[in-house]
Structure formats: structure tokens, C-alpha cells
Amino acid sequence: MLNASSWLMQTPIAHRGLWSSDIPENSIPAYENAIAHGFAIEIDVYSSADGQLFCFHDATLMRVTGKSGFIYEKTAKELKSLKLFSTEYHIPTFEETLAVCENRAPLLIEIKNQPDKKVVDKVVERLKSYSGEFAVQSFNPFFIKRVKKLAPEFARGILGTNEKIKENFFTRWALKRLPFNNFIQPHFISYYKEGLPVKNKRNLPVLAWTIISDEEKDNALKFANNIIFENFVP
């Protein structure tokens, strides 16, 4: 499905937008900044307690907003009242993000693992009427399998890592080895930079994350087709 001219293969992808000390990650200004520089944009999607989609990376709110609790435990009204890193900027909804980026920048949309298992259906339903370029990815292979069932035409990817994360042995093994690829049939792999090269029997395109320097970019591109980056401008 993906060819060498695809934006997923050619356009560097700004991790949570092109953010800085003055521009918060996963904020509307970060997305606008990435658009101004001609980059694609990686975003993260969670569902609020009452089913509205928001773009936010962490499961917990503390690091970014200074408030306690999990994002998926809060209502949309509660989330809209929070500010990012004590700035004037709020947590953008998925709808707000799409409105900013539609036909202006490609989106790499990560569906985060979360209690609301209908989140995949909500994302897919909305994207079916979206006219911009996008691809969907997740660490959860069953989410990607669901995307395949609901919208087989969508570009879909599986995230993997060899990091020593706080998960059980089977989860760590699955994230490293990606054993479900024949089952979910992703179109690409997004893999942690320190784990490259990744075992890739189906010879799928590989995105390397998260690249933070030109040196890391050059090393990653020996084994990957494209990069997801932050903290520098490639």
C-alpha cells in the first residue's frame, strides 16, 4: 500500500507537533509550527470519561497540566479547563486538531491504550470524513486489527520497542518481537531508535522514534525509512 513517494516515507514527522520551551507539546501552536516548517505531525488520542476525543500523550495529567488523575477519568469539560505547562494553551480536542491540520499537514495518529475500547471506532468514524492525509498506529495490536476491520483502506502501523518498560514479560516480549504482524497486517512499523534494526519478515517500511539530533537521524536512517523527531529541526 505504501510506496517510496508516500509522505510516511519522505516527510519527517514532528513528535507531538513542533514544540519548544515556549510552545507546549500536543498543542495547537505546536501543530501550526510544524505546518509552517513543512513537517508531518504525530499526535496521540485519548477518550475522556464522557467519550470525547482529546490529543494528549500521557495517561496521567500531572507532568503536563500539574493536576492529578488519569486523562480518561476526566470529563471533556474538566479537560478543557486545564492548561498546558502553565501556558495559555489548552488540551486540544481531536476535532480541533483535525480542523487545523486538514489538507495542511499529514497526521500520524497514535491511539493510546486506554479503558474505552470503543475509542478505535470513534477515531475511525471521524477519519472517514476527513480529507487530509493520515495514518493510524498503536502499541495495541488489537486496536490495529480493529482499524483493519473497520477501514481496511486506512494506512495502519504497529508500534514496538525494546525498552525496559514496566510491563509484564509477555507484553515486553510482544512489543519487542511484534509477533502479531501476520494477524493484524500492518502497513508499517514504528520502532524505538535503540532497537534498530528491527526484525521485519514482511519487509515493511520502518519509522524510527524519537530522534533528537542530526547524528541520531543519520544513524536511524541506516535502518529506517523515516523519522519521528523532537527537540531539533532536521
C-alpha atoms as a PDB file:
ATOM      1  CA  MET A   1       0.000   0.000   0.000  1.00  0.00           C
ATOM      2  CA  LEU A   2       2.828   2.395   0.803  1.00  0.00           C
ATOM      3  CA  ASN A   3       5.239   3.384  -1.916  1.00  0.00           C
ATOM      4  CA  ALA A   4       8.515   5.295  -1.899  1.00  0.00           C
ATOM      5  CA  SER A   5       6.774   8.606  -2.594  1.00  0.00           C
ATOM      6  CA  SER A   6       4.366   8.341   0.371  1.00  0.00           C
ATOM      7  CA  TRP A   7       4.619  11.096   2.965  1.00  0.00           C
ATOM      8  CA  LEU A   8       5.181   8.360   5.547  1.00  0.00           C
ATOM      9  CA  MET A   9       8.411   7.540   3.740  1.00  0.00           C
ATOM     10  CA  GLN A  10       9.503  11.036   2.789  1.00  0.00           C
ATOM     11  CA  THR A  11       8.313  13.717   5.240  1.00  0.00           C
ATOM     12  CA  PRO A  12       9.924  13.941   8.701  1.00  0.00           C
ATOM     13  CA  ILE A  13       7.276  13.645  11.407  1.00  0.00           C
ATOM     14  CA  ALA A  14       7.223  16.131  14.292  1.00  0.00           C
ATOM     15  CA  HIS A  15       6.592  14.270  17.559  1.00  0.00           C
ATOM     16  CA  ARG A  16       3.519  15.845  19.232  1.00  0.00           C
ATOM     17  CA  GLY A  17       3.947  18.773  16.858  1.00  0.00           C
ATOM     18  CA  LEU A  18       6.944  21.070  16.571  1.00  0.00           C
ATOM     19  CA  TRP A  19       7.158  22.222  20.179  1.00  0.00           C
ATOM     20  CA  SER A  20       9.723  24.158  22.212  1.00  0.00           C
ATOM     21  CA  SER A  21      10.165  25.774  25.619  1.00  0.00           C
ATOM     22  CA  ASP A  22       7.567  28.359  24.576  1.00  0.00           C
ATOM     23  CA  ILE A  23       5.222  26.070  22.642  1.00  0.00           C
ATOM     24  CA  PRO A  24       3.743  23.072  24.521  1.00  0.00           C
ATOM     25  CA  GLU A  25       3.689  19.596  23.031  1.00  0.00           C
ATOM     26  CA  ASN A  26       0.383  18.429  21.549  1.00  0.00           C
ATOM     27  CA  SER A  27      -0.930  21.987  21.357  1.00  0.00           C
ATOM     28  CA  ILE A  28      -2.482  23.919  18.509  1.00  0.00           C
ATOM     29  CA  PRO A  29       0.595  26.223  18.271  1.00  0.00           C
ATOM     30  CA  ALA A  30       2.857  23.145  18.053  1.00  0.00           C
ATOM     31  CA  TYR A  31       0.789  21.849  15.148  1.00  0.00           C
ATOM     32  CA  GLU A  32       0.821  25.239  13.432  1.00  0.00           C
ATOM     33  CA  ASN A  33       4.599  25.423  13.875  1.00  0.00           C
ATOM     34  CA  ALA A  34       5.063  22.009  12.276  1.00  0.00           C
ATOM     35  CA  ILE A  35       2.839  23.027   9.371  1.00  0.00           C
ATOM     36  CA  ALA A  36       4.877  26.211   8.869  1.00  0.00           C
ATOM     37  CA  HIS A  37       8.054  24.115   8.601  1.00  0.00           C
ATOM     38  CA  GLY A  38       6.544  21.580   6.199  1.00  0.00           C
ATOM     39  CA  PHE A  39       6.583  18.595   8.543  1.00  0.00           C
ATOM     40  CA  ALA A  40       4.079  15.835   9.148  1.00  0.00           C
ATOM     41  CA  ILE A  41       2.700  15.656  12.694  1.00  0.00           C
ATOM     42  CA  GLU A  42       2.463  12.812  15.197  1.00  0.00           C
ATOM     43  CA  ILE A  43      -0.411  13.101  17.670  1.00  0.00           C
ATOM     44  CA  ASP A  44      -1.822  10.958  20.483  1.00  0.00           C
ATOM     45  CA  VAL A  45      -5.511  10.311  21.110  1.00  0.00           C
ATOM     46  CA  TYR A  46      -7.363   9.548  24.336  1.00  0.00           C
ATOM     47  CA  SER A  47     -11.077   9.419  25.069  1.00  0.00           C
ATOM     48  CA  SER A  48     -12.409  11.418  28.006  1.00  0.00           C
ATOM     49  CA  ALA A  49     -14.683   9.858  30.631  1.00  0.00           C
ATOM     50  CA  ASP A  50     -17.700  11.022  28.636  1.00  0.00           C
ATOM     51  CA  GLY A  51     -16.403   9.848  25.276  1.00  0.00           C
ATOM     52  CA  GLN A  52     -14.894  12.954  23.656  1.00  0.00           C
ATOM     53  CA  LEU A  53     -11.532  12.575  21.913  1.00  0.00           C
ATOM     54  CA  PHE A  54      -8.520  14.643  23.017  1.00  0.00           C
ATOM     55  CA  CYS A  55      -4.919  14.903  21.835  1.00  0.00           C
ATOM     56  CA  PHE A  56      -2.629  14.229  24.796  1.00  0.00           C
ATOM     57  CA  HIS A  57       0.335  11.901  25.289  1.00  0.00           C
ATOM     58  CA  ASP A  58       0.480  10.838  28.937  1.00  0.00           C
ATOM     59  CA  ALA A  59      -2.122   8.690  30.631  1.00  0.00           C
ATOM     60  CA  THR A  60      -1.722  10.899  33.708  1.00  0.00           C
ATOM     61  CA  LEU A  61      -2.232  14.653  33.739  1.00  0.00           C
ATOM     62  CA  MET A  62       0.437  15.715  36.246  1.00  0.00           C
ATOM     63  CA  ARG A  63       3.516  16.257  34.042  1.00  0.00           C
ATOM     64  CA  VAL A  64       1.781  18.470  31.512  1.00  0.00           C
ATOM     65  CA  THR A  65      -1.031  20.130  33.475  1.00  0.00           C
ATOM     66  CA  GLY A  66       0.071  19.887  37.115  1.00  0.00           C
ATOM     67  CA  LYS A  67      -3.203  18.174  38.021  1.00  0.00           C
ATOM     68  CA  SER A  68      -3.627  14.670  39.386  1.00  0.00           C
ATOM     69  CA  GLY A  69      -5.571  11.829  37.819  1.00  0.00           C
ATOM     70  CA  PHE A  70      -5.819   9.965  34.546  1.00  0.00           C
ATOM     71  CA  ILE A  71      -6.974  11.791  31.437  1.00  0.00           C
ATOM     72  CA  TYR A  72      -9.598   9.135  30.695  1.00  0.00           C
ATOM     73  CA  GLU A  73     -11.155   9.627  34.143  1.00  0.00           C
ATOM     74  CA  LYS A  74     -11.947  13.296  33.460  1.00  0.00           C
ATOM     75  CA  THR A  75     -14.906  14.698  31.561  1.00  0.00           C
ATOM     76  CA  ALA A  76     -14.470  16.850  28.478  1.00  0.00           C
ATOM     77  CA  LYS A  77     -15.483  19.909  30.496  1.00  0.00           C
ATOM     78  CA  GLU A  78     -12.812  19.183  33.103  1.00  0.00           C
ATOM     79  CA  LEU A  79     -10.128  18.636  30.470  1.00  0.00           C
ATOM     80  CA  LYS A  80     -10.999  21.819  28.592  1.00  0.00           C
ATOM     81  CA  SER A  81     -10.413  23.815  31.781  1.00  0.00           C
ATOM     82  CA  LEU A  82      -6.773  22.671  32.063  1.00  0.00           C
ATOM     83  CA  LYS A  83      -3.734  24.498  30.697  1.00  0.00           C
ATOM     84  CA  LEU A  84      -0.586  23.002  29.194  1.00  0.00           C
ATOM     85  CA  PHE A  85       2.592  23.674  31.219  1.00  0.00           C
ATOM     86  CA  SER A  86       1.063  26.804  32.816  1.00  0.00           C
ATOM     87  CA  THR A  87       0.668  28.482  29.415  1.00  0.00           C
ATOM     88  CA  GLU A  88      -2.477  29.959  27.931  1.00  0.00           C
ATOM     89  CA  TYR A  89      -2.936  26.884  25.747  1.00  0.00           C
ATOM     90  CA  HIS A  90      -5.420  24.105  26.433  1.00  0.00           C
ATOM     91  CA  ILE A  91      -5.547  20.391  25.632  1.00  0.00           C
ATOM     92  CA  PRO A  92      -6.839  20.273  22.047  1.00  0.00           C
ATOM     93  CA  THR A  93      -9.703  18.028  21.108  1.00  0.00           C
ATOM     94  CA  PHE A  94      -9.232  15.635  18.228  1.00  0.00           C
ATOM     95  CA  GLU A  95     -11.753  17.708  16.301  1.00  0.00           C
ATOM     96  CA  GLU A  96      -9.770  20.913  16.844  1.00  0.00           C
ATOM     97  CA  THR A  97      -6.585  19.186  15.720  1.00  0.00           C
ATOM     98  CA  LEU A  98      -8.179  17.868  12.548  1.00  0.00           C
ATOM     99  CA  ALA A  99      -9.572  21.307  11.753  1.00  0.00           C
ATOM    100  CA  VAL A 100      -6.092  22.849  11.989  1.00  0.00           C
ATOM    101  CA  CYS A 101      -4.272  20.137  10.021  1.00  0.00           C
ATOM    102  CA  GLU A 102      -6.771  19.144   7.330  1.00  0.00           C
ATOM    103  CA  ASN A 103      -5.124  19.440   3.900  1.00  0.00           C
ATOM    104  CA  ARG A 104      -2.224  21.322   5.506  1.00  0.00           C
ATOM    105  CA  ALA A 105      -0.078  18.561   7.049  1.00  0.00           C
ATOM    106  CA  PRO A 106      -0.191  14.749   7.173  1.00  0.00           C
ATOM    107  CA  LEU A 107      -1.105  13.252  10.547  1.00  0.00           C
ATOM    108  CA  LEU A 108       0.321  10.157  12.205  1.00  0.00           C
ATOM    109  CA  ILE A 109      -2.371   9.337  14.770  1.00  0.00           C
ATOM    110  CA  GLU A 110      -1.460   7.130  17.726  1.00  0.00           C
ATOM    111  CA  ILE A 111      -4.434   5.606  19.501  1.00  0.00           C
ATOM    112  CA  LYS A 112      -3.293   5.204  23.081  1.00  0.00           C
ATOM    113  CA  ASN A 113      -4.061   2.104  25.127  1.00  0.00           C
ATOM    114  CA  GLN A 114      -6.972   3.008  27.412  1.00  0.00           C
ATOM    115  CA  PRO A 115     -10.109   1.657  29.090  1.00  0.00           C
ATOM    116  CA  ASP A 116     -12.516   2.897  26.383  1.00  0.00           C
ATOM    117  CA  LYS A 117     -12.213   0.122  23.809  1.00  0.00           C
ATOM    118  CA  LYS A 118     -14.647   1.969  21.542  1.00  0.00           C
ATOM    119  CA  VAL A 119     -12.021   4.655  21.040  1.00  0.00           C
ATOM    120  CA  VAL A 120     -10.889   2.968  17.819  1.00  0.00           C
ATOM    121  CA  ASP A 121     -14.400   3.054  16.411  1.00  0.00           C
ATOM    122  CA  LYS A 122     -14.713   6.751  17.275  1.00  0.00           C
ATOM    123  CA  VAL A 123     -11.399   7.644  15.631  1.00  0.00           C
ATOM    124  CA  VAL A 124     -12.147   5.638  12.505  1.00  0.00           C
ATOM    125  CA  GLU A 125     -15.672   7.031  12.178  1.00  0.00           C
ATOM    126  CA  ARG A 126     -14.373  10.593  12.272  1.00  0.00           C
ATOM    127  CA  LEU A 127     -11.496   9.938   9.880  1.00  0.00           C
ATOM    128  CA  LYS A 128     -13.807   8.508   7.239  1.00  0.00           C
ATOM    129  CA  SER A 129     -14.985  12.052   6.526  1.00  0.00           C
ATOM    130  CA  TYR A 130     -11.534  13.639   6.874  1.00  0.00           C
ATOM    131  CA  SER A 131      -9.998  14.817   3.599  1.00  0.00           C
ATOM    132  CA  GLY A 132      -6.397  15.258   4.772  1.00  0.00           C
ATOM    133  CA  GLU A 133      -3.584  12.706   4.648  1.00  0.00           C
ATOM    134  CA  PHE A 134      -3.182  10.465   7.701  1.00  0.00           C
ATOM    135  CA  ALA A 135      -2.101   7.118   9.073  1.00  0.00           C
ATOM    136  CA  VAL A 136      -3.126   5.365  12.290  1.00  0.00           C
ATOM    137  CA  GLN A 137      -0.845   3.497  14.700  1.00  0.00           C
ATOM    138  CA  SER A 138      -0.907   1.942  18.162  1.00  0.00           C
ATOM    139  CA  PHE A 139       1.090  -0.246  20.540  1.00  0.00           C
ATOM    140  CA  ASN A 140      -2.085  -2.312  20.941  1.00  0.00           C
ATOM    141  CA  PRO A 141      -2.269  -4.870  18.101  1.00  0.00           C
ATOM    142  CA  PHE A 142      -5.969  -5.444  18.724  1.00  0.00           C
ATOM    143  CA  PHE A 143      -6.621  -1.757  18.102  1.00  0.00           C
ATOM    144  CA  ILE A 144      -4.846  -2.043  14.752  1.00  0.00           C
ATOM    145  CA  LYS A 145      -6.777  -5.210  13.947  1.00  0.00           C
ATOM    146  CA  ARG A 146      -9.962  -3.249  14.622  1.00  0.00           C
ATOM    147  CA  VAL A 147      -8.819  -0.457  12.289  1.00  0.00           C
ATOM    148  CA  LYS A 148      -8.215  -3.089   9.604  1.00  0.00           C
ATOM    149  CA  LYS A 149     -11.745  -4.444  10.037  1.00  0.00           C
ATOM    150  CA  LEU A 150     -13.492  -1.053  10.074  1.00  0.00           C
ATOM    151  CA  ALA A 151     -11.387   0.711   7.445  1.00  0.00           C
ATOM    152  CA  PRO A 152      -9.016  -1.614   5.561  1.00  0.00           C
ATOM    153  CA  GLU A 153      -8.128   1.289   3.279  1.00  0.00           C
ATOM    154  CA  PHE A 154      -6.518   3.258   6.126  1.00  0.00           C
ATOM    155  CA  ALA A 155      -2.725   3.184   6.394  1.00  0.00           C
ATOM    156  CA  ARG A 156      -2.068   1.468   9.717  1.00  0.00           C
ATOM    157  CA  GLY A 157       1.064   0.779  11.719  1.00  0.00           C
ATOM    158  CA  ILE A 158       2.207  -1.088  14.801  1.00  0.00           C
ATOM    159  CA  LEU A 159       4.443   0.486  17.429  1.00  0.00           C
ATOM    160  CA  GLY A 160       7.251  -1.526  19.010  1.00  0.00           C
ATOM    161  CA  THR A 161      10.148  -1.079  21.398  1.00  0.00           C
ATOM    162  CA  ASN A 162      12.982  -2.940  23.105  1.00  0.00           C
ATOM    163  CA  GLU A 163      12.916  -0.534  26.071  1.00  0.00           C
ATOM    164  CA  LYS A 164      12.834  -1.954  29.603  1.00  0.00           C
ATOM    165  CA  ILE A 165       9.345  -0.757  30.441  1.00  0.00           C
ATOM    166  CA  LYS A 166       7.165  -1.506  33.478  1.00  0.00           C
ATOM    167  CA  GLU A 167       5.035  -4.199  31.885  1.00  0.00           C
ATOM    168  CA  ASN A 168       4.741  -7.957  32.299  1.00  0.00           C
ATOM    169  CA  PHE A 169       7.099 -10.309  30.471  1.00  0.00           C
ATOM    170  CA  PHE A 170       4.631 -11.210  27.721  1.00  0.00           C
ATOM    171  CA  THR A 171       3.847  -7.555  26.936  1.00  0.00           C
ATOM    172  CA  ARG A 172       7.546  -6.647  26.818  1.00  0.00           C
ATOM    173  CA  TRP A 173       8.218  -9.618  24.550  1.00  0.00           C
ATOM    174  CA  ALA A 174       5.324  -8.733  22.249  1.00  0.00           C
ATOM    175  CA  LEU A 175       6.370  -5.076  21.981  1.00  0.00           C
ATOM    176  CA  LYS A 176       9.891  -6.146  21.092  1.00  0.00           C
ATOM    177  CA  ARG A 177       9.130  -9.021  18.718  1.00  0.00           C
ATOM    178  CA  LEU A 178       5.817  -7.836  17.195  1.00  0.00           C
ATOM    179  CA  PRO A 179       4.501 -11.406  16.893  1.00  0.00           C
ATOM    180  CA  PHE A 180       1.017 -10.397  15.754  1.00  0.00           C
ATOM    181  CA  ASN A 181       2.006  -8.773  12.473  1.00  0.00           C
ATOM    182  CA  ASN A 182       0.731 -11.641  10.336  1.00  0.00           C
ATOM    183  CA  PHE A 183      -2.582 -11.398  12.194  1.00  0.00           C
ATOM    184  CA  ILE A 184      -3.069  -7.612  12.064  1.00  0.00           C
ATOM    185  CA  GLN A 185      -1.260  -6.998   8.746  1.00  0.00           C
ATOM    186  CA  PRO A 186       0.129  -3.503   9.405  1.00  0.00           C
ATOM    187  CA  HIS A 187       1.414  -1.396   6.543  1.00  0.00           C
ATOM    188  CA  PHE A 188       4.385  -0.064   8.532  1.00  0.00           C
ATOM    189  CA  ILE A 189       6.286  -0.395  11.802  1.00  0.00           C
ATOM    190  CA  SER A 190       7.167   2.439  14.196  1.00  0.00           C
ATOM    191  CA  TYR A 191      10.083   1.299  16.345  1.00  0.00           C
ATOM    192  CA  TYR A 192      12.216   2.752  19.141  1.00  0.00           C
ATOM    193  CA  LYS A 193      15.550   4.010  17.790  1.00  0.00           C
ATOM    194  CA  GLU A 194      17.722   1.955  20.162  1.00  0.00           C
ATOM    195  CA  GLY A 195      16.138  -1.269  18.928  1.00  0.00           C
ATOM    196  CA  LEU A 196      17.027  -0.808  15.261  1.00  0.00           C
ATOM    197  CA  PRO A 197      17.327  -2.734  13.070  1.00  0.00           C
ATOM    198  CA  VAL A 198      14.010  -4.397  13.843  1.00  0.00           C
ATOM    199  CA  LYS A 199      13.217  -7.948  12.720  1.00  0.00           C
ATOM    200  CA  ASN A 200      10.889  -7.413   9.796  1.00  0.00           C
ATOM    201  CA  LYS A 201       9.985 -10.579   7.911  1.00  0.00           C
ATOM    202  CA  ARG A 202       7.366  -8.806   5.807  1.00  0.00           C
ATOM    203  CA  ASN A 203       9.856  -6.086   4.796  1.00  0.00           C
ATOM    204  CA  LEU A 204       7.537  -3.312   5.952  1.00  0.00           C
ATOM    205  CA  PRO A 205       8.553   0.372   5.970  1.00  0.00           C
ATOM    206  CA  VAL A 206      10.009   1.430   9.329  1.00  0.00           C
ATOM    207  CA  LEU A 207       9.665   4.729  11.184  1.00  0.00           C
ATOM    208  CA  ALA A 208      12.268   5.416  13.900  1.00  0.00           C
ATOM    209  CA  TRP A 209      11.321   7.226  17.128  1.00  0.00           C
ATOM    210  CA  THR A 210      12.103   9.518  18.848  1.00  0.00           C
ATOM    211  CA  ILE A 211      15.077  11.148  17.086  1.00  0.00           C
ATOM    212  CA  ILE A 212      16.589  14.177  18.840  1.00  0.00           C
ATOM    213  CA  SER A 213      19.638  15.143  16.737  1.00  0.00           C
ATOM    214  CA  ASP A 214      21.102  15.056  13.241  1.00  0.00           C
ATOM    215  CA  GLU A 215      23.510  12.355  14.403  1.00  0.00           C
ATOM    216  CA  GLU A 216      20.645  10.165  15.589  1.00  0.00           C
ATOM    217  CA  LYS A 217      18.798  10.868  12.346  1.00  0.00           C
ATOM    218  CA  ASP A 218      21.747   9.715  10.239  1.00  0.00           C
ATOM    219  CA  ASN A 219      22.134   6.536  12.320  1.00  0.00           C
ATOM    220  CA  ALA A 220      18.412   5.756  12.271  1.00  0.00           C
ATOM    221  CA  LEU A 221      18.084   6.187   8.525  1.00  0.00           C
ATOM    222  CA  LYS A 222      20.562   3.359   8.002  1.00  0.00           C
ATOM    223  CA  PHE A 223      17.766   1.041   9.161  1.00  0.00           C
ATOM    224  CA  ALA A 224      14.552   3.069   8.845  1.00  0.00           C
ATOM    225  CA  ASN A 225      12.692   4.835   6.054  1.00  0.00           C
ATOM    226  CA  ASN A 226      11.718   7.924   8.027  1.00  0.00           C
ATOM    227  CA  ILE A 227      11.985   9.538  11.451  1.00  0.00           C
ATOM    228  CA  ILE A 228       9.699  10.814  14.170  1.00  0.00           C
ATOM    229  CA  PHE A 229      11.641  13.635  15.831  1.00  0.00           C
ATOM    230  CA  GLU A 230      11.658  16.282  18.561  1.00  0.00           C
ATOM    231  CA  ASN A 231      13.951  18.937  20.109  1.00  0.00           C
ATOM    232  CA  PHE A 232      15.675  19.792  16.820  1.00  0.00           C
ATOM    233  CA  VAL A 233      14.769  20.662  13.241  1.00  0.00           C
ATOM    234  CA  PRO A 234      16.064  18.042  10.768  1.00  0.00           C
END
